[in-house]
Amino acid sequence: MGETLRIFLDIGANKGQVLWVALQEKYKFDRIHCFEPVECLCDVLQNFKDDRVTIHPFGLSNSTGKLTLYNPGRVCGSIYPRHGVSNIEQICNFIKARDWFRSNLDMSDQNIMKLNCEGSECDILDDLIESGEINKIDTVMVDFDIRKIRSQKYREKELRLKLKNLKNTNVLFCEEVAIGKTHIERTQNWLNIAGVS
């Protein structure tokens, strides 16, 4: 049997605000996977020079293919258009979450996931729950940005119920554990509460 690895999944890596924390030596991550479909943000992520880091220039979703991303690179960026927002569009690449998990993660490893992707968290979680791949995650911190999107906000309640009924899954919610004034403080608090140190 091989050595158990500690793996960090940064889904919605943006400019690397959370990656900066994950790279700290005290967390002892062996591999760090950053998923970011916006090209200009991937360019920023490439500035993190560390052999443990892999930058994936695509997002995860419940299907594989090209999707329209509205307002790429902005706080309101999402595959779902926001009501009342002037939507700029960009076509980006996405991979079905279960397929990536199946090919790249092992149940025997310690897999830590941050899920903050402006509405796509529901598509990703639904896909991982339906396929059973969610069971490979030891702890996940979910930020339900879906509540910002009028046509989709109902899905948060549905997902929370599904997650509550899951076994062998440590699900933490952003508003409960990501506490602090900065991205650094919020990420550190979550990892400490999750026992990742």
C-alpha atoms as a PDB file:
ATOM      1  CA  MET A   1       0.000   0.000   0.000  1.00  0.00           C
ATOM      2  CA  GLY A   2       1.354   3.450  -0.937  1.00  0.00           C
ATOM      3  CA  GLU A   3       1.856   6.431   1.317  1.00  0.00           C
ATOM      4  CA  THR A   4      -1.258   8.441   2.193  1.00  0.00           C
ATOM      5  CA  LEU A   5      -1.206  11.866   0.583  1.00  0.00           C
ATOM      6  CA  ARG A   6      -2.744  15.080   1.869  1.00  0.00           C
ATOM      7  CA  ILE A   7      -4.419  16.769  -1.102  1.00  0.00           C
ATOM      8  CA  PHE A   8      -6.030  20.193  -1.337  1.00  0.00           C
ATOM      9  CA  LEU A   9      -8.664  21.029  -3.956  1.00  0.00           C
ATOM     10  CA  ASP A  10      -9.195  24.750  -4.535  1.00  0.00           C
ATOM     11  CA  ILE A  11     -12.322  24.875  -6.673  1.00  0.00           C
ATOM     12  CA  GLY A  12     -12.761  28.445  -7.822  1.00  0.00           C
ATOM     13  CA  ALA A  13      -9.128  29.430  -7.226  1.00  0.00           C
ATOM     14  CA  ASN A  14      -9.518  33.012  -8.503  1.00  0.00           C
ATOM     15  CA  LYS A  15      -6.176  34.823  -7.932  1.00  0.00           C
ATOM     16  CA  GLY A  16      -4.845  32.370  -5.364  1.00  0.00           C
ATOM     17  CA  GLN A  17      -6.071  33.952  -2.143  1.00  0.00           C
ATOM     18  CA  VAL A  18      -6.732  30.519  -0.610  1.00  0.00           C
ATOM     19  CA  LEU A  19      -3.811  28.887  -2.412  1.00  0.00           C
ATOM     20  CA  TRP A  20      -1.433  31.227  -0.587  1.00  0.00           C
ATOM     21  CA  VAL A  21      -2.641  29.778   2.727  1.00  0.00           C
ATOM     22  CA  ALA A  22      -2.639  26.160   1.523  1.00  0.00           C
ATOM     23  CA  LEU A  23       1.034  26.523   0.595  1.00  0.00           C
ATOM     24  CA  GLN A  24       2.030  27.275   4.178  1.00  0.00           C
ATOM     25  CA  GLU A  25       4.294  24.575   5.532  1.00  0.00           C
ATOM     26  CA  LYS A  26       2.194  23.879   8.637  1.00  0.00           C
ATOM     27  CA  TYR A  27      -0.622  22.380   6.545  1.00  0.00           C
ATOM     28  CA  LYS A  28       1.685  19.821   4.931  1.00  0.00           C
ATOM     29  CA  PHE A  29      -0.232  19.419   1.666  1.00  0.00           C
ATOM     30  CA  ASP A  30       1.487  17.024  -0.727  1.00  0.00           C
ATOM     31  CA  ARG A  31      -0.513  18.149  -3.742  1.00  0.00           C
ATOM     32  CA  ILE A  32      -2.662  21.183  -4.450  1.00  0.00           C
ATOM     33  CA  HIS A  33      -5.107  21.305  -7.361  1.00  0.00           C
ATOM     34  CA  CYS A  34      -6.442  24.713  -8.407  1.00  0.00           C
ATOM     35  CA  PHE A  35      -9.450  24.868 -10.728  1.00  0.00           C
ATOM     36  CA  GLU A  36     -10.038  28.155 -12.526  1.00  0.00           C
ATOM     37  CA  PRO A  37     -11.798  28.491 -15.896  1.00  0.00           C
ATOM     38  CA  VAL A  38     -10.955  32.171 -16.472  1.00  0.00           C
ATOM     39  CA  GLU A  39      -7.764  32.529 -18.515  1.00  0.00           C
ATOM     40  CA  CYS A  40      -6.602  35.842 -17.050  1.00  0.00           C
ATOM     41  CA  LEU A  41      -6.935  34.421 -13.518  1.00  0.00           C
ATOM     42  CA  CYS A  42      -4.999  31.290 -14.504  1.00  0.00           C
ATOM     43  CA  ASP A  43      -2.208  33.589 -15.659  1.00  0.00           C
ATOM     44  CA  VAL A  44      -2.076  35.077 -12.158  1.00  0.00           C
ATOM     45  CA  LEU A  45      -2.067  31.615 -10.563  1.00  0.00           C
ATOM     46  CA  GLN A  46       0.967  30.653 -12.642  1.00  0.00           C
ATOM     47  CA  ASN A  47       2.981  33.080 -10.493  1.00  0.00           C
ATOM     48  CA  PHE A  48       2.796  30.575  -7.627  1.00  0.00           C
ATOM     49  CA  LYS A  49       5.958  28.576  -8.156  1.00  0.00           C
ATOM     50  CA  ASP A  50       5.655  25.350  -6.193  1.00  0.00           C
ATOM     51  CA  ASP A  51       6.027  21.784  -7.451  1.00  0.00           C
ATOM     52  CA  ARG A  52       3.011  20.700  -5.409  1.00  0.00           C
ATOM     53  CA  VAL A  53       0.642  23.007  -7.311  1.00  0.00           C
ATOM     54  CA  THR A  54      -1.236  22.066 -10.481  1.00  0.00           C
ATOM     55  CA  ILE A  55      -3.261  24.782 -12.186  1.00  0.00           C
ATOM     56  CA  HIS A  56      -6.245  23.372 -14.077  1.00  0.00           C
ATOM     57  CA  PRO A  57      -7.510  25.907 -16.666  1.00  0.00           C
ATOM     58  CA  PHE A  58     -11.096  24.701 -16.427  1.00  0.00           C
ATOM     59  CA  GLY A  59     -13.943  24.625 -13.964  1.00  0.00           C
ATOM     60  CA  LEU A  60     -15.759  21.636 -12.527  1.00  0.00           C
ATOM     61  CA  SER A  61     -19.473  21.180 -13.180  1.00  0.00           C
ATOM     62  CA  ASN A  62     -22.116  18.491 -13.770  1.00  0.00           C
ATOM     63  CA  SER A  63     -21.141  18.117 -17.442  1.00  0.00           C
ATOM     64  CA  THR A  64     -18.083  18.309 -19.670  1.00  0.00           C
ATOM     65  CA  GLY A  65     -17.855  20.912 -22.397  1.00  0.00           C
ATOM     66  CA  LYS A  66     -17.853  24.631 -23.014  1.00  0.00           C
ATOM     67  CA  LEU A  67     -20.163  26.883 -21.013  1.00  0.00           C
ATOM     68  CA  THR A  68     -20.833  30.586 -21.089  1.00  0.00           C
ATOM     69  CA  LEU A  69     -19.321  32.337 -18.092  1.00  0.00           C
ATOM     70  CA  TYR A  70     -20.883  35.686 -17.281  1.00  0.00           C
ATOM     71  CA  ASN A  71     -18.641  38.456 -15.947  1.00  0.00           C
ATOM     72  CA  PRO A  72     -15.415  36.384 -15.955  1.00  0.00           C
ATOM     73  CA  GLY A  73     -12.831  37.518 -13.448  1.00  0.00           C
ATOM     74  CA  ARG A  74     -15.297  39.628 -11.495  1.00  0.00           C
ATOM     75  CA  VAL A  75     -16.856  38.964  -8.091  1.00  0.00           C
ATOM     76  CA  CYS A  76     -20.211  38.340  -9.790  1.00  0.00           C
ATOM     77  CA  GLY A  77     -18.721  35.897 -12.336  1.00  0.00           C
ATOM     78  CA  SER A  78     -20.901  32.804 -12.812  1.00  0.00           C
ATOM     79  CA  ILE A  79     -22.308  30.397 -15.372  1.00  0.00           C
ATOM     80  CA  TYR A  80     -25.645  31.857 -14.284  1.00  0.00           C
ATOM     81  CA  PRO A  81     -26.453  35.450 -15.306  1.00  0.00           C
ATOM     82  CA  ARG A  82     -27.162  37.764 -12.389  1.00  0.00           C
ATOM     83  CA  HIS A  83     -30.374  39.797 -12.350  1.00  0.00           C
ATOM     84  CA  GLY A  84     -29.665  43.502 -12.564  1.00  0.00           C
ATOM     85  CA  VAL A  85     -26.032  43.032 -13.601  1.00  0.00           C
ATOM     86  CA  SER A  86     -24.601  44.001 -16.979  1.00  0.00           C
ATOM     87  CA  ASN A  87     -23.361  40.602 -18.100  1.00  0.00           C
ATOM     88  CA  ILE A  88     -20.115  40.298 -20.077  1.00  0.00           C
ATOM     89  CA  GLU A  89     -19.727  36.833 -21.591  1.00  0.00           C
ATOM     90  CA  GLN A  90     -16.804  34.455 -22.130  1.00  0.00           C
ATOM     91  CA  ILE A  91     -16.808  30.822 -23.250  1.00  0.00           C
ATOM     92  CA  CYS A  92     -14.866  28.631 -20.795  1.00  0.00           C
ATOM     93  CA  ASN A  93     -14.042  24.944 -20.407  1.00  0.00           C
ATOM     94  CA  PHE A  94     -15.633  22.704 -17.786  1.00  0.00           C
ATOM     95  CA  ILE A  95     -15.108  19.075 -16.757  1.00  0.00           C
ATOM     96  CA  LYS A  96     -17.685  16.835 -15.122  1.00  0.00           C
ATOM     97  CA  ALA A  97     -16.726  16.722 -11.443  1.00  0.00           C
ATOM     98  CA  ARG A  98     -17.267  12.987 -10.963  1.00  0.00           C
ATOM     99  CA  ASP A  99     -15.042  12.179 -13.931  1.00  0.00           C
ATOM    100  CA  TRP A 100     -12.146  14.238 -12.614  1.00  0.00           C
ATOM    101  CA  PHE A 101     -12.538  12.804  -9.108  1.00  0.00           C
ATOM    102  CA  ARG A 102     -12.718   9.251 -10.428  1.00  0.00           C
ATOM    103  CA  SER A 103      -9.509   9.655 -12.427  1.00  0.00           C
ATOM    104  CA  ASN A 104      -7.462  11.675  -9.951  1.00  0.00           C
ATOM    105  CA  LEU A 105      -8.458  11.035  -6.330  1.00  0.00           C
ATOM    106  CA  ASP A 106      -7.974   8.004  -4.131  1.00  0.00           C
ATOM    107  CA  MET A 107     -10.194   7.127  -1.177  1.00  0.00           C
ATOM    108  CA  SER A 108      -7.114   6.295   0.914  1.00  0.00           C
ATOM    109  CA  ASP A 109      -5.734   9.842   0.671  1.00  0.00           C
ATOM    110  CA  GLN A 110      -6.773  12.791   2.815  1.00  0.00           C
ATOM    111  CA  ASN A 111      -8.690  15.042   0.432  1.00  0.00           C
ATOM    112  CA  ILE A 112      -9.552  18.570   1.568  1.00  0.00           C
ATOM    113  CA  MET A 113     -11.828  20.702  -0.639  1.00  0.00           C
ATOM    114  CA  LYS A 114     -12.733  24.387  -0.774  1.00  0.00           C
ATOM    115  CA  LEU A 115     -15.807  24.996  -2.913  1.00  0.00           C
ATOM    116  CA  ASN A 116     -16.422  28.638  -3.794  1.00  0.00           C
ATOM    117  CA  CYS A 117     -17.363  29.081  -7.431  1.00  0.00           C
ATOM    118  CA  GLU A 118     -20.159  31.622  -7.746  1.00  0.00           C
ATOM    119  CA  GLY A 119     -23.121  29.282  -8.130  1.00  0.00           C
ATOM    120  CA  SER A 120     -21.509  26.210  -9.674  1.00  0.00           C
ATOM    121  CA  GLU A 121     -21.135  24.674  -6.209  1.00  0.00           C
ATOM    122  CA  CYS A 122     -24.630  23.195  -6.487  1.00  0.00           C
ATOM    123  CA  ASP A 123     -23.947  21.572  -9.871  1.00  0.00           C
ATOM    124  CA  ILE A 124     -20.673  20.144  -8.537  1.00  0.00           C
ATOM    125  CA  LEU A 125     -22.129  18.835  -5.282  1.00  0.00           C
ATOM    126  CA  ASP A 126     -25.158  17.309  -6.976  1.00  0.00           C
ATOM    127  CA  ASP A 127     -22.849  15.456  -9.362  1.00  0.00           C
ATOM    128  CA  LEU A 128     -20.513  14.244  -6.608  1.00  0.00           C
ATOM    129  CA  ILE A 129     -23.389  13.119  -4.387  1.00  0.00           C
ATOM    130  CA  GLU A 130     -25.179  11.288  -7.196  1.00  0.00           C
ATOM    131  CA  SER A 131     -21.981   9.463  -8.224  1.00  0.00           C
ATOM    132  CA  GLY A 132     -20.776   8.737  -4.680  1.00  0.00           C
ATOM    133  CA  GLU A 133     -17.486  10.530  -5.383  1.00  0.00           C
ATOM    134  CA  ILE A 134     -18.264  12.923  -2.514  1.00  0.00           C
ATOM    135  CA  ASN A 135     -17.169  10.112  -0.196  1.00  0.00           C
ATOM    136  CA  LYS A 136     -13.555  10.698  -1.216  1.00  0.00           C
ATOM    137  CA  ILE A 137     -13.610  14.090   0.498  1.00  0.00           C
ATOM    138  CA  ASP A 138     -12.536  14.162   4.142  1.00  0.00           C
ATOM    139  CA  THR A 139     -13.679  17.716   4.696  1.00  0.00           C
ATOM    140  CA  VAL A 140     -15.230  20.355   2.461  1.00  0.00           C
ATOM    141  CA  MET A 141     -15.958  24.020   3.087  1.00  0.00           C
ATOM    142  CA  VAL A 142     -18.896  25.181   0.971  1.00  0.00           C
ATOM    143  CA  ASP A 143     -19.682  28.804   0.150  1.00  0.00           C
ATOM    144  CA  PHE A 144     -23.228  28.931  -1.222  1.00  0.00           C
ATOM    145  CA  ASP A 145     -22.885  31.753  -3.744  1.00  0.00           C
ATOM    146  CA  ILE A 146     -25.964  30.290  -5.448  1.00  0.00           C
ATOM    147  CA  ARG A 147     -28.055  32.434  -3.074  1.00  0.00           C
ATOM    148  CA  LYS A 148     -26.923  35.503  -5.062  1.00  0.00           C
ATOM    149  CA  ILE A 149     -28.641  34.221  -8.203  1.00  0.00           C
ATOM    150  CA  ARG A 150     -32.388  34.778  -8.102  1.00  0.00           C
ATOM    151  CA  SER A 151     -33.321  31.918 -10.465  1.00  0.00           C
ATOM    152  CA  GLN A 152     -31.194  29.366  -8.591  1.00  0.00           C
ATOM    153  CA  LYS A 153     -31.210  30.386  -4.926  1.00  0.00           C
ATOM    154  CA  TYR A 154     -33.786  27.708  -3.985  1.00  0.00           C
ATOM    155  CA  ARG A 155     -31.095  25.084  -4.590  1.00  0.00           C
ATOM    156  CA  GLU A 156     -29.155  25.994  -1.453  1.00  0.00           C
ATOM    157  CA  LYS A 157     -31.878  24.596   0.790  1.00  0.00           C
ATOM    158  CA  GLU A 158     -32.066  21.412  -1.283  1.00  0.00           C
ATOM    159  CA  LEU A 159     -28.290  20.899  -1.139  1.00  0.00           C
ATOM    160  CA  ARG A 160     -28.069  21.545   2.571  1.00  0.00           C
ATOM    161  CA  LEU A 161     -30.652  18.808   3.134  1.00  0.00           C
ATOM    162  CA  LYS A 162     -28.769  16.363   0.892  1.00  0.00           C
ATOM    163  CA  LEU A 163     -25.487  17.120   2.652  1.00  0.00           C
ATOM    164  CA  LYS A 164     -27.072  16.686   6.067  1.00  0.00           C
ATOM    165  CA  ASN A 165     -28.227  13.202   5.100  1.00  0.00           C
ATOM    166  CA  LEU A 166     -24.817  12.092   3.848  1.00  0.00           C
ATOM    167  CA  LYS A 167     -22.634   9.768   5.901  1.00  0.00           C
ATOM    168  CA  ASN A 168     -18.817   9.867   6.169  1.00  0.00           C
ATOM    169  CA  THR A 169     -18.688  13.452   4.947  1.00  0.00           C
ATOM    170  CA  ASN A 170     -17.440  16.395   6.972  1.00  0.00           C
ATOM    171  CA  VAL A 171     -19.250  19.381   5.467  1.00  0.00           C
ATOM    172  CA  LEU A 172     -18.566  22.851   6.833  1.00  0.00           C
ATOM    173  CA  PHE A 173     -20.254  26.050   5.728  1.00  0.00           C
ATOM    174  CA  CYS A 174     -18.424  29.255   4.947  1.00  0.00           C
ATOM    175  CA  GLU A 175     -20.464  31.493   7.220  1.00  0.00           C
ATOM    176  CA  GLU A 176     -19.781  29.196  10.188  1.00  0.00           C
ATOM    177  CA  VAL A 177     -16.051  28.549   9.835  1.00  0.00           C
ATOM    178  CA  ALA A 178     -14.515  31.109   7.449  1.00  0.00           C
ATOM    179  CA  ILE A 179     -14.315  33.788  10.106  1.00  0.00           C
ATOM    180  CA  GLY A 180     -11.936  36.738   9.949  1.00  0.00           C
ATOM    181  CA  LYS A 181     -11.213  40.046   8.284  1.00  0.00           C
ATOM    182  CA  THR A 182      -9.093  38.710   5.431  1.00  0.00           C
ATOM    183  CA  HIS A 183      -9.041  35.703   3.084  1.00  0.00           C
ATOM    184  CA  ILE A 184      -5.989  34.482   4.984  1.00  0.00           C
ATOM    185  CA  GLU A 185      -7.670  34.601   8.387  1.00  0.00           C
ATOM    186  CA  ARG A 186     -10.876  33.053   7.097  1.00  0.00           C
ATOM    187  CA  THR A 187      -9.066  30.180   5.384  1.00  0.00           C
ATOM    188  CA  GLN A 188      -6.829  29.521   8.382  1.00  0.00           C
ATOM    189  CA  ASN A 189      -9.823  29.402  10.719  1.00  0.00           C
ATOM    190  CA  TRP A 190     -11.606  26.900   8.488  1.00  0.00           C
ATOM    191  CA  LEU A 191      -8.556  24.633   8.209  1.00  0.00           C
ATOM    192  CA  ASN A 192      -7.951  24.806  11.948  1.00  0.00           C
ATOM    193  CA  ILE A 193     -11.587  23.969  12.754  1.00  0.00           C
ATOM    194  CA  ALA A 194     -11.418  21.088  10.272  1.00  0.00           C
ATOM    195  CA  GLY A 195      -8.337  19.766  12.085  1.00  0.00           C
ATOM    196  CA  VAL A 196      -5.987  20.293   9.147  1.00  0.00           C
ATOM    197  CA  SER A 197      -2.709  21.331  10.766  1.00  0.00           C
END
